[in-house]
Amino acid sequence: MSGHSKWANIKHRKAKGDSARAKLFSKIGREIAVAVKQGGSDPEANSKLKDVIAKAKSNNMPNENILRGIKKAAGDINSVNYEEIMYEGYGVSGAAVIVQCLTDNKNRTAGDVRHFFDKYGGSLGSSNCVSFMFDKKGIISLDKDDNSKEDEIIEAALTAGAEDVDTESENYEVLCDPSVFAAVKQYFEQNSFEIISAEITYIPQNKIMLEGENQAKFLKMIECFEDLDDVQTVYHNVDLPDEYYQD
């Protein structure tokens, strides 16, 4: 998802510098590998792969990197098999945190995630200990520059079965239940709307405020999670200042 929207709950920033960009591309490469192994190398027949490719392009990942990742996953039967794991826990002041991972070594990943929870005043919890505080939703981001008008987007979203549209963000962002995510996305594709990204995400039902040292400690913990190779996405329920979402 691009831009800061009313549903944003994690830090969305463009990679800055070669090292950060390489780390981002590596994470997306893992998603490509998982998608290919689960549904094949044809994005037209594999909607998950198609979504990952859209995500890769929205993050300026070169086409040759994308194609190389697809070919490697499709042709190498001995390539690494990544497992999707979701860890849940608490940050300072009871902040709810979900850490979504793709890993080839659960023990390593669990140890790393636990370490940073502990280091910054939090704790790793059990499965479902905080996920009930979030709503799992599909978000489809549409280009505001493709000459589509706001009322057309809203009408299309309602027709497709979506729940809401955020028209105040950098792009139009359509919110829907995961059960209709594929159908809503397909509707926009078939009606020639320009999709920037499409993903299933976790949106906090309520947000909490952190200030001073607690906020700094929480932000450091989130950054450490995001720097781990095994971590794909971090969700939380902390209401952060606007400047945190700036590129």
Protein backbone atom coordinates (compact mmCIF):
# COMPACT_ATOMS: atom_id res chain seq x y z
CA MET A 1 0.00 0.00 0.00
CA SER A 2 1.40 3.37 -0.95
CA GLY A 3 0.88 6.50 1.06
CA HIS A 4 -0.47 7.22 4.53
CA SER A 5 -4.14 6.35 4.86
CA LYS A 6 -6.63 6.28 7.71
CA TRP A 7 -6.09 2.50 7.81
CA ALA A 8 -2.30 2.66 8.04
CA ASN A 9 -0.93 0.80 11.04
CA ILE A 10 2.68 0.17 10.10
CA LYS A 11 5.54 2.23 8.74
CA HIS A 12 5.32 2.55 4.96
CA ARG A 13 8.47 4.05 3.56
CA LYS A 14 10.37 3.78 0.31
CA ALA A 15 13.71 2.05 0.59
CA LYS A 16 16.55 4.53 0.77
CA GLY A 17 20.04 3.49 -0.26
CA ASP A 18 21.31 0.36 -1.94
CA SER A 19 21.37 -1.73 1.23
CA ALA A 20 17.77 -0.96 2.20
CA ARG A 21 16.59 -1.52 -1.37
CA ALA A 22 18.39 -4.86 -1.59
CA LYS A 23 16.78 -5.99 1.67
CA LEU A 24 13.32 -5.01 0.43
CA PHE A 25 13.84 -6.85 -2.87
CA SER A 26 15.04 -9.92 -0.96
CA LYS A 27 11.83 -9.96 1.10
CA ILE A 28 9.68 -9.62 -2.01
CA GLY A 29 11.76 -12.37 -3.64
CA ARG A 30 10.73 -14.73 -0.86
CA GLU A 31 7.08 -13.89 -1.48
CA ILE A 32 7.55 -14.62 -5.19
CA ALA A 33 9.14 -18.00 -4.39
CA VAL A 34 6.27 -18.98 -2.07
CA ALA A 35 3.63 -17.85 -4.57
CA VAL A 36 5.24 -19.81 -7.43
CA LYS A 37 5.55 -22.98 -5.36
CA GLN A 38 1.93 -22.73 -4.24
CA GLY A 39 0.31 -21.85 -7.56
CA GLY A 40 2.73 -22.03 -10.46
CA SER A 41 4.73 -19.52 -12.47
CA ASP A 42 1.93 -18.06 -14.62
CA PRO A 43 0.61 -14.88 -12.96
CA GLU A 44 -2.58 -15.03 -15.02
CA ALA A 45 -3.39 -18.40 -13.44
CA ASN A 46 -1.87 -17.60 -10.06
CA SER A 47 -3.55 -14.59 -8.45
CA LYS A 48 -1.20 -14.59 -5.47
CA LEU A 49 1.83 -14.35 -7.76
CA LYS A 50 0.11 -11.59 -9.71
CA ASP A 51 -0.40 -9.62 -6.50
CA VAL A 52 3.23 -10.08 -5.47
CA ILE A 53 4.41 -8.90 -8.89
CA ALA A 54 2.24 -5.79 -8.53
CA LYS A 55 3.78 -5.20 -5.11
CA ALA A 56 7.27 -5.65 -6.55
CA LYS A 57 6.62 -3.15 -9.33
CA SER A 58 5.09 -0.61 -6.93
CA ASN A 59 8.37 -0.79 -4.99
CA ASN A 60 10.41 -0.26 -8.18
CA MET A 61 11.82 -3.78 -8.27
CA PRO A 62 13.40 -4.29 -11.73
CA ASN A 63 11.56 -6.61 -14.11
CA GLU A 64 14.66 -8.76 -14.54
CA ASN A 65 14.73 -9.39 -10.78
CA ILE A 66 11.09 -10.40 -10.82
CA LEU A 67 11.51 -12.76 -13.79
CA ARG A 68 14.68 -14.24 -12.30
CA GLY A 69 12.87 -14.97 -9.04
CA ILE A 70 9.97 -16.65 -10.85
CA LYS A 71 12.24 -18.80 -13.02
CA LYS A 72 14.37 -19.83 -10.05
CA ALA A 73 11.37 -20.88 -7.98
CA ALA A 74 9.76 -22.71 -10.91
CA GLY A 75 12.88 -24.51 -12.12
CA ASP A 76 14.84 -25.39 -9.00
CA ILE A 77 13.20 -28.25 -7.11
CA ASN A 78 15.93 -27.96 -4.51
CA SER A 79 15.35 -24.27 -3.84
CA VAL A 80 14.61 -23.18 -0.28
CA ASN A 81 11.09 -23.81 0.97
CA TYR A 82 9.81 -20.92 3.08
CA GLU A 83 7.12 -21.35 5.70
CA GLU A 84 4.63 -18.63 6.56
CA ILE A 85 4.50 -17.95 10.30
CA MET A 86 2.76 -15.23 12.29
CA TYR A 87 4.08 -14.25 15.72
CA GLU A 88 2.04 -12.17 18.14
CA GLY A 89 3.11 -10.23 21.20
CA TYR A 90 3.12 -7.03 23.20
CA GLY A 91 5.28 -3.94 23.04
CA VAL A 92 5.68 -1.35 25.79
CA SER A 93 2.45 -0.27 27.49
CA GLY A 94 0.69 -3.36 26.14
CA ALA A 95 0.86 -2.33 22.47
CA ALA A 96 -0.41 -5.15 20.24
CA VAL A 97 2.06 -6.39 17.62
CA ILE A 98 1.79 -8.97 14.81
CA VAL A 99 5.00 -10.03 13.06
CA GLN A 100 4.44 -11.84 9.75
CA CYS A 101 7.37 -13.97 8.58
CA LEU A 102 8.58 -16.23 5.78
CA THR A 103 11.32 -18.50 7.11
CA ASP A 104 13.29 -21.63 6.37
CA ASN A 105 14.27 -21.99 10.04
CA LYS A 106 11.50 -21.54 12.62
CA ASN A 107 13.84 -21.82 15.59
CA ARG A 108 16.07 -19.02 14.33
CA THR A 109 13.15 -16.76 13.52
CA ALA A 110 11.33 -17.35 16.80
CA GLY A 111 14.54 -16.63 18.70
CA ASP A 112 15.17 -13.40 16.81
CA VAL A 113 11.59 -12.16 17.25
CA ARG A 114 11.57 -13.04 20.96
CA HIS A 115 14.91 -11.28 21.44
CA PHE A 116 13.64 -7.93 20.15
CA PHE A 117 10.37 -8.16 22.05
CA ASP A 118 12.36 -8.71 25.25
CA LYS A 119 15.04 -6.12 24.46
CA TYR A 120 12.56 -3.29 24.03
CA GLY A 121 10.23 -3.91 26.94
CA GLY A 122 7.74 -6.25 25.30
CA SER A 123 7.04 -9.96 25.25
CA LEU A 124 6.31 -12.66 22.70
CA GLY A 125 2.82 -14.04 23.28
CA SER A 126 0.89 -17.11 22.30
CA SER A 127 -1.03 -17.61 19.07
CA ASN A 128 -4.14 -15.38 18.84
CA CYS A 129 -3.14 -13.34 21.90
CA VAL A 130 -3.53 -10.03 20.03
CA SER A 131 -4.92 -10.85 16.57
CA PHE A 132 -8.47 -10.56 17.92
CA MET A 133 -7.74 -6.82 18.31
CA PHE A 134 -7.36 -6.49 14.53
CA ASP A 135 -9.68 -6.87 11.56
CA LYS A 136 -8.28 -8.81 8.63
CA LYS A 137 -9.14 -6.88 5.46
CA GLY A 138 -8.26 -6.61 1.81
CA ILE A 139 -6.98 -3.25 0.59
CA ILE A 140 -6.77 -2.41 -3.10
CA SER A 141 -4.90 0.77 -3.96
CA LEU A 142 -5.94 2.51 -7.19
CA ASP A 143 -4.07 5.17 -9.11
CA LYS A 144 -5.56 8.65 -8.79
CA ASP A 145 -3.83 9.70 -12.00
CA ASP A 146 -5.58 7.29 -14.39
CA ASN A 147 -8.40 9.80 -15.09
CA SER A 148 -10.93 7.87 -13.02
CA LYS A 149 -13.19 10.11 -10.99
CA GLU A 150 -13.93 9.68 -7.32
CA ASP A 151 -17.61 8.89 -7.84
CA GLU A 152 -16.69 6.23 -10.43
CA ILE A 153 -14.34 4.56 -7.95
CA ILE A 154 -16.95 4.60 -5.18
CA GLU A 155 -19.67 3.23 -7.48
CA ALA A 156 -17.37 0.49 -8.75
CA ALA A 157 -16.34 -0.44 -5.20
CA LEU A 158 -19.96 -0.77 -4.07
CA THR A 159 -20.87 -2.78 -7.17
CA ALA A 160 -17.92 -5.11 -6.60
CA GLY A 161 -18.87 -5.74 -2.97
CA ALA A 162 -16.31 -3.58 -1.15
CA GLU A 163 -16.99 -2.00 2.24
CA ASP A 164 -15.41 1.44 2.03
CA VAL A 165 -13.17 3.73 -0.03
CA ASP A 166 -10.56 6.12 1.34
CA THR A 167 -10.42 9.01 -1.14
CA GLU A 168 -8.13 11.28 0.91
CA SER A 169 -4.91 9.26 0.58
CA GLU A 170 -2.22 9.50 -2.08
CA ASN A 171 -4.18 6.84 -4.01
CA TYR A 172 -7.77 5.63 -3.79
CA GLU A 173 -7.83 2.76 -1.29
CA VAL A 174 -10.67 0.25 -1.40
CA LEU A 175 -11.40 -1.78 1.74
CA CYS A 176 -13.12 -5.17 1.57
CA ASP A 177 -13.57 -8.43 3.42
CA PRO A 178 -10.92 -11.07 2.57
CA SER A 179 -13.65 -13.42 1.34
CA VAL A 180 -14.44 -11.07 -1.57
CA PHE A 181 -10.93 -9.67 -2.05
CA ALA A 182 -10.21 -11.65 -5.23
CA ALA A 183 -13.61 -10.78 -6.74
CA VAL A 184 -13.29 -7.06 -5.96
CA LYS A 185 -9.78 -6.94 -7.37
CA GLN A 186 -10.89 -8.81 -10.50
CA TYR A 187 -13.79 -6.36 -10.99
CA PHE A 188 -11.44 -3.38 -11.02
CA GLU A 189 -9.04 -5.17 -13.36
CA GLN A 190 -11.80 -6.10 -15.80
CA ASN A 191 -13.07 -2.52 -15.82
CA SER A 192 -9.63 -1.09 -16.66
CA PHE A 193 -8.86 0.64 -13.37
CA GLU A 194 -5.14 1.04 -12.65
CA ILE A 195 -4.29 -1.04 -9.58
CA ILE A 196 -1.17 0.09 -7.70
CA SER A 197 -1.21 -2.68 -5.11
CA ALA A 198 -3.53 -5.26 -3.59
CA GLU A 199 -2.98 -7.01 -0.28
CA ILE A 200 -4.59 -8.65 2.72
CA THR A 201 -3.70 -6.70 5.85
CA TYR A 202 -4.50 -6.41 9.55
CA ILE A 203 -6.19 -3.19 10.70
CA PRO A 204 -6.35 -2.40 14.45
CA GLN A 205 -9.84 -1.97 15.85
CA ASN A 206 -8.54 0.68 18.24
CA LYS A 207 -5.24 2.53 18.50
CA ILE A 208 -3.22 3.56 21.52
CA MET A 209 -0.88 6.51 22.03
CA LEU A 210 2.74 6.24 23.15
CA GLU A 211 4.90 9.20 24.08
CA GLY A 212 8.48 10.02 24.94
CA GLU A 213 10.74 7.12 25.88
CA ASN A 214 8.01 4.53 25.35
CA GLN A 215 7.37 5.72 21.81
CA ALA A 216 11.10 5.75 21.00
CA LYS A 217 11.53 2.25 22.42
CA PHE A 218 8.54 0.95 20.45
CA LEU A 219 9.75 2.50 17.18
CA LYS A 220 13.18 0.96 17.68
CA MET A 221 11.62 -2.47 18.23
CA ILE A 222 9.57 -2.18 15.03
CA GLU A 223 12.64 -1.11 13.04
CA CYS A 224 14.60 -4.08 14.38
CA PHE A 225 11.81 -6.45 13.35
CA GLU A 226 11.70 -4.91 9.86
CA ASP A 227 15.46 -5.33 9.50
CA LEU A 228 15.23 -9.11 10.02
CA ASP A 229 15.45 -11.02 6.74
CA ASP A 230 12.72 -13.43 7.85
CA VAL A 231 10.19 -10.69 8.65
CA GLN A 232 7.86 -9.61 5.84
CA THR A 233 5.44 -7.24 7.56
CA VAL A 234 4.82 -5.83 11.03
CA TYR A 235 1.35 -4.73 12.16
CA HIS A 236 0.54 -2.88 15.39
CA ASN A 237 -2.09 -0.73 17.07
CA VAL A 238 0.03 2.29 17.99
CA ASP A 239 -1.10 5.68 16.69
CA LEU A 240 2.13 7.19 15.41
CA PRO A 241 2.82 10.83 14.47
CA ASP A 242 2.36 11.78 10.81
CA GLU A 243 6.06 12.40 10.28
CA TYR A 244 6.74 8.70 10.94
CA TYR A 245 4.99 7.83 7.66
CA GLN A 246 6.89 10.29 5.52
CA ASP A 247 9.40 9.08 2.94
